[in-house]
Amino acid sequence: MQLIGSLLISLISIYRIVLIVYIFMSWFPNARESTIGQFIGSICEPYLEPFRRFIPPLGPLDISPIVAIIVLFFAESGIRALFFNAGALF
């Protein structure tokens, strides 16, 4: 079971890094229009879209990716509690 938990935590960590790279790409002109930018966008936008529907931008600042990253941290914490501290729950 710990192998599955470790795999899920690793995938969340990698996705979080990809999400941060995608956020930083918005600071550079035409970075999101490149081939890599479009690929990363196709991975990140489906996850960010629900957050953008509920969290309006504050002027030019979009805080929905920050909330999305916080949700990933909570998911990782839940996986850690579920897979690595399961003996403490019973």
PDB file of N, CA and C in Angstrom:
ATOM      1  N   MET A   1       0.807  -1.196   0.000  1.00  0.00           N
ATOM      2  CA  MET A   1       0.000   0.000   0.000  1.00  0.00           C
ATOM      3  C   MET A   1       0.854   1.265   0.000  1.00  0.00           C
ATOM      4  N   GLN A   2       1.991   1.193   0.674  1.00  0.00           N
ATOM      5  CA  GLN A   2       2.841   2.375   0.717  1.00  0.00           C
ATOM      6  C   GLN A   2       3.414   2.707  -0.660  1.00  0.00           C
ATOM      7  N   LEU A   3       3.572   1.699  -1.500  1.00  0.00           N
ATOM      8  CA  LEU A   3       4.058   1.942  -2.859  1.00  0.00           C
ATOM      9  C   LEU A   3       3.048   2.789  -3.646  1.00  0.00           C
ATOM     10  N   ILE A   4       1.770   2.463  -3.491  1.00  0.00           N
ATOM     11  CA  ILE A   4       0.731   3.242  -4.174  1.00  0.00           C
ATOM     12  C   ILE A   4       0.707   4.665  -3.638  1.00  0.00           C
ATOM     13  N   GLY A   5       0.807   4.812  -2.322  1.00  0.00           N
ATOM     14  CA  GLY A   5       0.835   6.140  -1.721  1.00  0.00           C
ATOM     15  C   GLY A   5       2.031   6.950  -2.187  1.00  0.00           C
ATOM     16  N   SER A   6       3.181   6.323  -2.258  1.00  0.00           N
ATOM     17  CA  SER A   6       4.382   7.020  -2.732  1.00  0.00           C
ATOM     18  C   SER A   6       4.250   7.433  -4.187  1.00  0.00           C
ATOM     19  N   LEU A   7       3.657   6.567  -4.995  1.00  0.00           N
ATOM     20  CA  LEU A   7       3.449   6.885  -6.403  1.00  0.00           C
ATOM     21  C   LEU A   7       2.493   8.071  -6.562  1.00  0.00           C
ATOM     22  N   LEU A   8       1.395   8.060  -5.816  1.00  0.00           N
ATOM     23  CA  LEU A   8       0.437   9.165  -5.891  1.00  0.00           C
ATOM     24  C   LEU A   8       1.055  10.484  -5.426  1.00  0.00           C
ATOM     25  N   ILE A   9       1.832  10.435  -4.361  1.00  0.00           N
ATOM     26  CA  ILE A   9       2.495  11.643  -3.860  1.00  0.00           C
ATOM     27  C   ILE A   9       3.499  12.160  -4.880  1.00  0.00           C
ATOM     28  N   SER A  10       4.231  11.259  -5.514  1.00  0.00           N
ATOM     29  CA  SER A  10       5.184  11.671  -6.551  1.00  0.00           C
ATOM     30  C   SER A  10       4.472  12.310  -7.737  1.00  0.00           C
ATOM     31  N   LEU A  11       3.348  11.739  -8.154  1.00  0.00           N
ATOM     32  CA  LEU A  11       2.590  12.301  -9.275  1.00  0.00           C
ATOM     33  C   LEU A  11       2.038  13.686  -8.934  1.00  0.00           C
ATOM     34  N   ILE A  12       1.554  13.851  -7.720  1.00  0.00           N
ATOM     35  CA  ILE A  12       1.059  15.168  -7.301  1.00  0.00           C
ATOM     36  C   ILE A  12       2.189  16.176  -7.257  1.00  0.00           C
ATOM     37  N   SER A  13       3.362  15.768  -6.779  1.00  0.00           N
ATOM     38  CA  SER A  13       4.503  16.679  -6.725  1.00  0.00           C
ATOM     39  C   SER A  13       4.942  17.100  -8.124  1.00  0.00           C
ATOM     40  N   ILE A  14       4.993  16.154  -9.043  1.00  0.00           N
ATOM     41  CA  ILE A  14       5.362  16.474 -10.430  1.00  0.00           C
ATOM     42  C   ILE A  14       4.320  17.407 -11.049  1.00  0.00           C
ATOM     43  N   TYR A  15       3.043  17.127 -10.817  1.00  0.00           N
ATOM     44  CA  TYR A  15       1.985  17.964 -11.371  1.00  0.00           C
ATOM     45  C   TYR A  15       2.054  19.379 -10.795  1.00  0.00           C
ATOM     46  N   ARG A  16       2.366  19.485  -9.519  1.00  0.00           N
ATOM     47  CA  ARG A  16       2.502  20.798  -8.888  1.00  0.00           C
ATOM     48  C   ARG A  16       3.635  21.594  -9.534  1.00  0.00           C
ATOM     49  N   ILE A  17       4.734  20.942  -9.844  1.00  0.00           N
ATOM     50  CA  ILE A  17       5.858  21.613 -10.508  1.00  0.00           C
ATOM     51  C   ILE A  17       5.454  22.053 -11.912  1.00  0.00           C
ATOM     52  N   VAL A  18       4.760  21.188 -12.651  1.00  0.00           N
ATOM     53  CA  VAL A  18       4.295  21.539 -13.997  1.00  0.00           C
ATOM     54  C   VAL A  18       3.340  22.723 -13.921  1.00  0.00           C
ATOM     55  N   LEU A  19       2.488  22.745 -12.918  1.00  0.00           N
ATOM     56  CA  LEU A  19       1.553  23.848 -12.739  1.00  0.00           C
ATOM     57  C   LEU A  19       2.285  25.159 -12.458  1.00  0.00           C
ATOM     58  N   ILE A  20       3.309  25.115 -11.640  1.00  0.00           N
ATOM     59  CA  ILE A  20       4.109  26.309 -11.347  1.00  0.00           C
ATOM     60  C   ILE A  20       4.828  26.792 -12.604  1.00  0.00           C
ATOM     61  N   VAL A  21       5.360  25.869 -13.395  1.00  0.00           N
ATOM     62  CA  VAL A  21       6.004  26.251 -14.657  1.00  0.00           C
ATOM     63  C   VAL A  21       4.988  26.920 -15.573  1.00  0.00           C
ATOM     64  N   TYR A  22       3.786  26.382 -15.627  1.00  0.00           N
ATOM     65  CA  TYR A  22       2.738  26.968 -16.470  1.00  0.00           C
ATOM     66  C   TYR A  22       2.382  28.374 -16.001  1.00  0.00           C
ATOM     67  N   ILE A  23       2.345  28.580 -14.710  1.00  0.00           N
ATOM     68  CA  ILE A  23       2.047  29.914 -14.170  1.00  0.00           C
ATOM     69  C   ILE A  23       3.157  30.891 -14.554  1.00  0.00           C
ATOM     70  N   PHE A  24       4.408  30.477 -14.421  1.00  0.00           N
ATOM     71  CA  PHE A  24       5.523  31.364 -14.766  1.00  0.00           C
ATOM     72  C   PHE A  24       5.581  31.644 -16.269  1.00  0.00           C
ATOM     73  N   MET A  25       5.057  30.721 -17.075  1.00  0.00           N
ATOM     74  CA  MET A  25       5.060  30.939 -18.526  1.00  0.00           C
ATOM     75  C   MET A  25       4.200  32.129 -18.920  1.00  0.00           C
ATOM     76  N   SER A  26       3.251  32.495 -18.074  1.00  0.00           N
ATOM     77  CA  SER A  26       2.403  33.644 -18.395  1.00  0.00           C
ATOM     78  C   SER A  26       3.171  34.959 -18.302  1.00  0.00           C
ATOM     79  N   TRP A  27       4.302  34.961 -17.662  1.00  0.00           N
ATOM     80  CA  TRP A  27       5.119  36.172 -17.520  1.00  0.00           C
ATOM     81  C   TRP A  27       5.955  36.452 -18.765  1.00  0.00           C
ATOM     82  N   PHE A  28       6.113  35.467 -19.626  1.00  0.00           N
ATOM     83  CA  PHE A  28       6.958  35.617 -20.812  1.00  0.00           C
ATOM     84  C   PHE A  28       6.084  35.661 -22.059  1.00  0.00           C
ATOM     85  N   PRO A  29       6.317  36.630 -22.925  1.00  0.00           N
ATOM     86  CA  PRO A  29       5.487  36.748 -24.131  1.00  0.00           C
ATOM     87  C   PRO A  29       5.618  35.511 -25.030  1.00  0.00           C
ATOM     88  N   ASN A  30       4.508  35.047 -25.508  1.00  0.00           N
ATOM     89  CA  ASN A  30       4.411  33.930 -26.459  1.00  0.00           C
ATOM     90  C   ASN A  30       4.914  32.601 -25.920  1.00  0.00           C
ATOM     91  N   ALA A  31       5.152  32.492 -24.629  1.00  0.00           N
ATOM     92  CA  ALA A  31       5.629  31.217 -24.087  1.00  0.00           C
ATOM     93  C   ALA A  31       4.524  30.161 -24.107  1.00  0.00           C
ATOM     94  N   ARG A  32       3.301  30.584 -23.849  1.00  0.00           N
ATOM     95  CA  ARG A  32       2.195  29.626 -23.848  1.00  0.00           C
ATOM     96  C   ARG A  32       1.778  29.216 -25.254  1.00  0.00           C
ATOM     97  N   GLU A  33       2.177  29.983 -26.250  1.00  0.00           N
ATOM     98  CA  GLU A  33       1.838  29.641 -27.622  1.00  0.00           C
ATOM     99  C   GLU A  33       2.841  28.681 -28.250  1.00  0.00           C
ATOM    100  N   SER A  34       3.953  28.430 -27.577  1.00  0.00           N
ATOM    101  CA  SER A  34       4.945  27.481 -28.100  1.00  0.00           C
ATOM    102  C   SER A  34       4.395  26.060 -27.987  1.00  0.00           C
ATOM    103  N   THR A  35       5.088  25.128 -28.591  1.00  0.00           N
ATOM    104  CA  THR A  35       4.652  23.731 -28.548  1.00  0.00           C
ATOM    105  C   THR A  35       4.635  23.202 -27.125  1.00  0.00           C
ATOM    106  N   ILE A  36       5.677  23.504 -26.375  1.00  0.00           N
ATOM    107  CA  ILE A  36       5.742  23.056 -24.977  1.00  0.00           C
ATOM    108  C   ILE A  36       4.662  23.740 -24.151  1.00  0.00           C
ATOM    109  N   GLY A  37       4.457  25.034 -24.399  1.00  0.00           N
ATOM    110  CA  GLY A  37       3.429  25.771 -23.680  1.00  0.00           C
ATOM    111  C   GLY A  37       2.034  25.229 -23.940  1.00  0.00           C
ATOM    112  N   GLN A  38       1.771  24.858 -25.182  1.00  0.00           N
ATOM    113  CA  GLN A  38       0.465  24.277 -25.508  1.00  0.00           C
ATOM    114  C   GLN A  38       0.292  22.909 -24.865  1.00  0.00           C
ATOM    115  N   PHE A  39       1.370  22.124 -24.823  1.00  0.00           N
ATOM    116  CA  PHE A  39       1.299  20.807 -24.179  1.00  0.00           C
ATOM    117  C   PHE A  39       1.041  20.954 -22.687  1.00  0.00           C
ATOM    118  N   ILE A  40       1.787  21.838 -22.036  1.00  0.00           N
ATOM    119  CA  ILE A  40       1.596  22.057 -20.602  1.00  0.00           C
ATOM    120  C   ILE A  40       0.203  22.636 -20.339  1.00  0.00           C
ATOM    121  N   GLY A  41      -0.248  23.526 -21.232  1.00  0.00           N
ATOM    122  CA  GLY A  41      -1.588  24.080 -21.090  1.00  0.00           C
ATOM    123  C   GLY A  41      -2.673  23.026 -21.191  1.00  0.00           C
ATOM    124  N   SER A  42      -2.479  22.049 -22.069  1.00  0.00           N
ATOM    125  CA  SER A  42      -3.468  20.983 -22.197  1.00  0.00           C
ATOM    126  C   SER A  42      -3.510  20.091 -20.961  1.00  0.00           C
ATOM    127  N   ILE A  43      -2.432  20.095 -20.187  1.00  0.00           N
ATOM    128  CA  ILE A  43      -2.387  19.326 -18.946  1.00  0.00           C
ATOM    129  C   ILE A  43      -2.949  20.139 -17.779  1.00  0.00           C
ATOM    130  N   CYS A  44      -2.643  21.432 -17.739  1.00  0.00           N
ATOM    131  CA  CYS A  44      -2.984  22.256 -16.574  1.00  0.00           C
ATOM    132  C   CYS A  44      -4.356  22.903 -16.652  1.00  0.00           C
ATOM    133  N   GLU A  45      -4.788  23.319 -17.829  1.00  0.00           N
ATOM    134  CA  GLU A  45      -6.048  24.055 -17.947  1.00  0.00           C
ATOM    135  C   GLU A  45      -7.275  23.271 -17.481  1.00  0.00           C
ATOM    136  N   PRO A  46      -7.399  21.972 -17.757  1.00  0.00           N
ATOM    137  CA  PRO A  46      -8.582  21.263 -17.230  1.00  0.00           C
ATOM    138  C   PRO A  46      -8.657  21.279 -15.702  1.00  0.00           C
ATOM    139  N   TYR A  47      -7.523  21.303 -15.030  1.00  0.00           N
ATOM    140  CA  TYR A  47      -7.515  21.371 -13.567  1.00  0.00           C
ATOM    141  C   TYR A  47      -7.795  22.786 -13.075  1.00  0.00           C
ATOM    142  N   LEU A  48      -7.275  23.795 -13.764  1.00  0.00           N
ATOM    143  CA  LEU A  48      -7.444  25.180 -13.331  1.00  0.00           C
ATOM    144  C   LEU A  48      -8.828  25.742 -13.649  1.00  0.00           C
ATOM    145  N   GLU A  49      -9.494  25.216 -14.657  1.00  0.00           N
ATOM    146  CA  GLU A  49     -10.771  25.772 -15.105  1.00  0.00           C
ATOM    147  C   GLU A  49     -11.834  25.830 -14.010  1.00  0.00           C
ATOM    148  N   PRO A  50     -12.054  24.775 -13.215  1.00  0.00           N
ATOM    149  CA  PRO A  50     -13.068  24.889 -12.152  1.00  0.00           C
ATOM    150  C   PRO A  50     -12.732  25.975 -11.125  1.00  0.00           C
ATOM    151  N   PHE A  51     -11.469  26.150 -10.827  1.00  0.00           N
ATOM    152  CA  PHE A  51     -11.080  27.187  -9.867  1.00  0.00           C
ATOM    153  C   PHE A  51     -11.333  28.577 -10.447  1.00  0.00           C
ATOM    154  N   ARG A  52     -11.096  28.745 -11.722  1.00  0.00           N
ATOM    155  CA  ARG A  52     -11.313  30.044 -12.362  1.00  0.00           C
ATOM    156  C   ARG A  52     -12.797  30.388 -12.461  1.00  0.00           C
ATOM    157  N   ARG A  53     -13.657  29.383 -12.500  1.00  0.00           N
ATOM    158  CA  ARG A  53     -15.091  29.643 -12.530  1.00  0.00           C
ATOM    159  C   ARG A  53     -15.583  30.219 -11.211  1.00  0.00           C
ATOM    160  N   PHE A  54     -14.987  29.775 -10.088  1.00  0.00           N
ATOM    161  CA  PHE A  54     -15.463  30.182  -8.772  1.00  0.00           C
ATOM    162  C   PHE A  54     -14.672  31.329  -8.152  1.00  0.00           C
ATOM    163  N   ILE A  55     -13.453  31.536  -8.598  1.00  0.00           N
ATOM    164  CA  ILE A  55     -12.602  32.582  -8.021  1.00  0.00           C
ATOM    165  C   ILE A  55     -12.351  33.638  -9.090  1.00  0.00           C
ATOM    166  N   PRO A  56     -12.963  34.795  -8.946  1.00  0.00           N
ATOM    167  CA  PRO A  56     -12.743  35.844  -9.951  1.00  0.00           C
ATOM    168  C   PRO A  56     -11.354  36.456  -9.794  1.00  0.00           C
ATOM    169  N   PRO A  57     -10.775  36.947 -10.886  1.00  0.00           N
ATOM    170  CA  PRO A  57      -9.462  37.597 -10.783  1.00  0.00           C
ATOM    171  C   PRO A  57      -9.567  38.914 -10.022  1.00  0.00           C
ATOM    172  N   LEU A  58      -8.522  39.232  -9.308  1.00  0.00           N
ATOM    173  CA  LEU A  58      -8.436  40.500  -8.578  1.00  0.00           C
ATOM    174  C   LEU A  58      -7.686  41.488  -9.457  1.00  0.00           C
ATOM    175  N   GLY A  59      -8.413  42.151 -10.330  1.00  0.00           N
ATOM    176  CA  GLY A  59      -7.770  43.038 -11.296  1.00  0.00           C
ATOM    177  C   GLY A  59      -6.976  42.198 -12.282  1.00  0.00           C
ATOM    178  N   PRO A  60      -5.698  42.518 -12.466  1.00  0.00           N
ATOM    179  CA  PRO A  60      -4.883  41.716 -13.390  1.00  0.00           C
ATOM    180  C   PRO A  60      -4.317  40.444 -12.739  1.00  0.00           C
ATOM    181  N   LEU A  61      -4.578  40.248 -11.455  1.00  0.00           N
ATOM    182  CA  LEU A  61      -4.001  39.117 -10.722  1.00  0.00           C
ATOM    183  C   LEU A  61      -5.008  37.981 -10.629  1.00  0.00           C
ATOM    184  N   ASP A  62      -4.625  36.820 -11.133  1.00  0.00           N
ATOM    185  CA  ASP A  62      -5.451  35.617 -11.067  1.00  0.00           C
ATOM    186  C   ASP A  62      -4.924  34.752  -9.931  1.00  0.00           C
ATOM    187  N   ILE A  63      -5.695  34.636  -8.849  1.00  0.00           N
ATOM    188  CA  ILE A  63      -5.232  33.865  -7.699  1.00  0.00           C
ATOM    189  C   ILE A  63      -5.720  32.416  -7.718  1.00  0.00           C
ATOM    190  N   SER A  64      -6.481  32.045  -8.738  1.00  0.00           N
ATOM    191  CA  SER A  64      -6.992  30.677  -8.795  1.00  0.00           C
ATOM    192  C   SER A  64      -5.880  29.616  -8.864  1.00  0.00           C
ATOM    193  N   PRO A  65      -4.743  29.858  -9.544  1.00  0.00           N
ATOM    194  CA  PRO A  65      -3.682  28.847  -9.499  1.00  0.00           C
ATOM    195  C   PRO A  65      -3.093  28.649  -8.093  1.00  0.00           C
ATOM    196  N   ILE A  66      -3.081  29.708  -7.300  1.00  0.00           N
ATOM    197  CA  ILE A  66      -2.582  29.580  -5.932  1.00  0.00           C
ATOM    198  C   ILE A  66      -3.505  28.674  -5.130  1.00  0.00           C
ATOM    199  N   VAL A  67      -4.813  28.879  -5.284  1.00  0.00           N
ATOM    200  CA  VAL A  67      -5.780  28.025  -4.600  1.00  0.00           C
ATOM    201  C   VAL A  67      -5.674  26.590  -5.110  1.00  0.00           C
ATOM    202  N   ALA A  68      -5.455  26.425  -6.400  1.00  0.00           N
ATOM    203  CA  ALA A  68      -5.312  25.083  -6.974  1.00  0.00           C
ATOM    204  C   ALA A  68      -4.093  24.360  -6.399  1.00  0.00           C
ATOM    205  N   ILE A  69      -3.005  25.086  -6.200  1.00  0.00           N
ATOM    206  CA  ILE A  69      -1.805  24.483  -5.610  1.00  0.00           C
ATOM    207  C   ILE A  69      -2.051  24.127  -4.151  1.00  0.00           C
ATOM    208  N   ILE A  70      -2.776  24.971  -3.425  1.00  0.00           N
ATOM    209  CA  ILE A  70      -3.107  24.666  -2.028  1.00  0.00           C
ATOM    210  C   ILE A  70      -3.962  23.409  -1.948  1.00  0.00           C
ATOM    211  N   VAL A  71      -4.898  23.254  -2.880  1.00  0.00           N
ATOM    212  CA  VAL A  71      -5.722  22.038  -2.915  1.00  0.00           C
ATOM    213  C   VAL A  71      -4.849  20.805  -3.159  1.00  0.00           C
ATOM    214  N   LEU A  72      -3.847  20.942  -4.011  1.00  0.00           N
ATOM    215  CA  LEU A  72      -2.923  19.820  -4.227  1.00  0.00           C
ATOM    216  C   LEU A  72      -2.154  19.474  -2.960  1.00  0.00           C
ATOM    217  N   PHE A  73      -1.762  20.493  -2.186  1.00  0.00           N
ATOM    218  CA  PHE A  73      -1.095  20.229  -0.907  1.00  0.00           C
ATOM    219  C   PHE A  73      -2.022  19.472   0.043  1.00  0.00           C
ATOM    220  N   PHE A  74      -3.303  19.873   0.090  1.00  0.00           N
ATOM    221  CA  PHE A  74      -4.253  19.161   0.940  1.00  0.00           C
ATOM    222  C   PHE A  74      -4.461  17.731   0.462  1.00  0.00           C
ATOM    223  N   ALA A  75      -4.518  17.524  -0.840  1.00  0.00           N
ATOM    224  CA  ALA A  75      -4.664  16.170  -1.379  1.00  0.00           C
ATOM    225  C   ALA A  75      -3.456  15.315  -1.011  1.00  0.00           C
ATOM    226  N   GLU A  76      -2.268  15.907  -1.108  1.00  0.00           N
ATOM    227  CA  GLU A  76      -1.063  15.171  -0.738  1.00  0.00           C
ATOM    228  C   GLU A  76      -1.074  14.828   0.743  1.00  0.00           C
ATOM    229  N   SER A  77      -1.519  15.752   1.579  1.00  0.00           N
ATOM    230  CA  SER A  77      -1.605  15.475   3.017  1.00  0.00           C
ATOM    231  C   SER A  77      -2.607  14.364   3.302  1.00  0.00           C
ATOM    232  N   GLY A  78      -3.727  14.374   2.592  1.00  0.00           N
ATOM    233  CA  GLY A  78      -4.715  13.315   2.762  1.00  0.00           C
ATOM    234  C   GLY A  78      -4.179  11.959   2.349  1.00  0.00           C
ATOM    235  N   ILE A  79      -3.432  11.926   1.272  1.00  0.00           N
ATOM    236  CA  ILE A  79      -2.836  10.661   0.820  1.00  0.00           C
ATOM    237  C   ILE A  79      -1.811  10.173   1.834  1.00  0.00           C
ATOM    238  N   ARG A  80      -1.014  11.099   2.366  1.00  0.00           N
ATOM    239  CA  ARG A  80      -0.044  10.703   3.391  1.00  0.00           C
ATOM    240  C   ARG A  80      -0.749  10.119   4.615  1.00  0.00           C
ATOM    241  N   ALA A  81      -1.829  10.762   5.052  1.00  0.00           N
ATOM    242  CA  ALA A  81      -2.556  10.267   6.208  1.00  0.00           C
ATOM    243  C   ALA A  81      -3.209   8.920   5.921  1.00  0.00           C
ATOM    244  N   LEU A  82      -3.708   8.765   4.726  1.00  0.00           N
ATOM    245  CA  LEU A  82      -4.420   7.539   4.368  1.00  0.00           C
ATOM    246  C   LEU A  82      -3.485   6.346   4.206  1.00  0.00           C
ATOM    247  N   PHE A  83      -2.369   6.551   3.522  1.00  0.00           N
ATOM    248  CA  PHE A  83      -1.487   5.433   3.194  1.00  0.00           C
ATOM    249  C   PHE A  83      -0.377   5.189   4.216  1.00  0.00           C
ATOM    250  N   PHE A  84       0.063   6.225   4.898  1.00  0.00           N
ATOM    251  CA  PHE A  84       1.213   6.061   5.768  1.00  0.00           C
ATOM    252  C   PHE A  84       0.857   6.104   7.255  1.00  0.00           C
ATOM    253  N   ASN A  85      -0.302   6.642   7.606  1.00  0.00           N
ATOM    254  CA  ASN A  85      -0.714   6.682   9.001  1.00  0.00           C
ATOM    255  C   ASN A  85      -1.983   5.892   9.226  1.00  0.00           C
ATOM    256  N   ALA A  86      -2.262   4.940   8.358  1.00  0.00           N
ATOM    257  CA  ALA A  86      -3.516   4.174   8.453  1.00  0.00           C
ATOM    258  C   ALA A  86      -3.566   3.349   9.725  1.00  0.00           C
ATOM    259  N   GLY A  87      -2.449   2.889  10.219  1.00  0.00           N
ATOM    260  CA  GLY A  87      -2.434   2.114  11.455  1.00  0.00           C
ATOM    261  C   GLY A  87      -2.839   2.944  12.653  1.00  0.00           C
ATOM    262  N   ALA A  88      -2.591   4.223  12.602  1.00  0.00           N
ATOM    263  CA  ALA A  88      -2.959   5.100  13.713  1.00  0.00           C
ATOM    264  C   ALA A  88      -4.459   5.376  13.748  1.00  0.00           C
ATOM    265  N   LEU A  89      -5.148   5.148  12.628  1.00  0.00           N
ATOM    266  CA  LEU A  89      -6.574   5.423  12.571  1.00  0.00           C
ATOM    267  C   LEU A  89      -7.404   4.312  13.176  1.00  0.00           C
ATOM    268  N   PHE A  90      -6.876   3.096  13.250  1.00  0.00           N
ATOM    269  CA  PHE A  90      -7.658   1.962  13.725  1.00  0.00           C
ATOM    270  C   PHE A  90      -7.207   1.494  15.072  1.00  0.00           C
TER     271      PHE A  90
END
